[in-house]
Amino acid sequence: MDGYLAARMMKPHRPPVLIVLHQERSTPGRVGQMLIERGFSLDIRRPVLGDPLPATLARHSGAVIFGGPMSANDPDDYVRQEIDWISVPLSENKPFLGICLGAQMMVRHLGGTVKPHADGLTEIGWYPIAPTEAGKALLPWPEQVYQFHMEGFDLPQGAELLAQGSIYPNQAFRYQERAFGIQFHAELTRVMMQRWVVRGAHRFDLPNAQPGRMHLEGRFLHDAHLRCWLSAFLDHVFCADQALA
């Protein structure tokens, strides 16, 4: 029995997930923690600091491009290179997840538009979203999610909308079977959110942004559901075709 239980508790060994970050001290947060719990290692790259991206994902289980303070419309070489590189997971049919900036980069790659709200509104804090019928068929969704962005995106041609909002209507989408983009942030640990509230305080006066206290209060109210959603979502993106231990 002891040997059986030990075997059940052993984590599977899977090829690494490519993690693309955009600042020197950025981390993959709960996304990274949950992937490691599922037996994936992490191959962390920061193209903004000169790290190259692989020409193929043949030795990876998939990829995640995270957010950052820059725009998918910026002219920097690494931004353009990341946008172009998204052809690799799409052409190889590898699991891909874009979070906030990463989702906007995929939209740009697919020919869509990334732009600010017509009335200058932002989403910085906790805001409601609602799944579409396609989203409901995928998994249960949280009612409130954490946002930190000043630009949104049009739904690119061929993409399927999974969740929508009232201010920025396109909140989550799927392209083909294995590529996903989400506008909001489910990856933040408590420490990460506290850091964002401190370092991002100068943005809380922007139109429709919430004050810092509401960011932290909202975490107590809504984060448990958001965390559960992220766990199920990562299973769908990265483990749908693999048996979990």
Foldseek 3Di string as FASTA:
>chain_A
DVVVVVVQCDADAAFAEEEEDADPPDDQFQVQVLVVSNRHHYDYDYVNVPGDDDPACPRHQYYEYEDDPDACPDPDPSSVVLLCSVVRCVVVVHAYEYEARGLRSPCVSLVWDKAFFPVQAAQAAKFAKAFDPVLVVQDDAFGIFGADDGIEIDDHPQKAATMAGDRRGGAKIDHDQQYIYGNTDLRDDPVRLVVCLVVVQVCQPGHPRHHSVRRNVVCVVGNVRSNVVSSSVCCRNRVVPPDGD
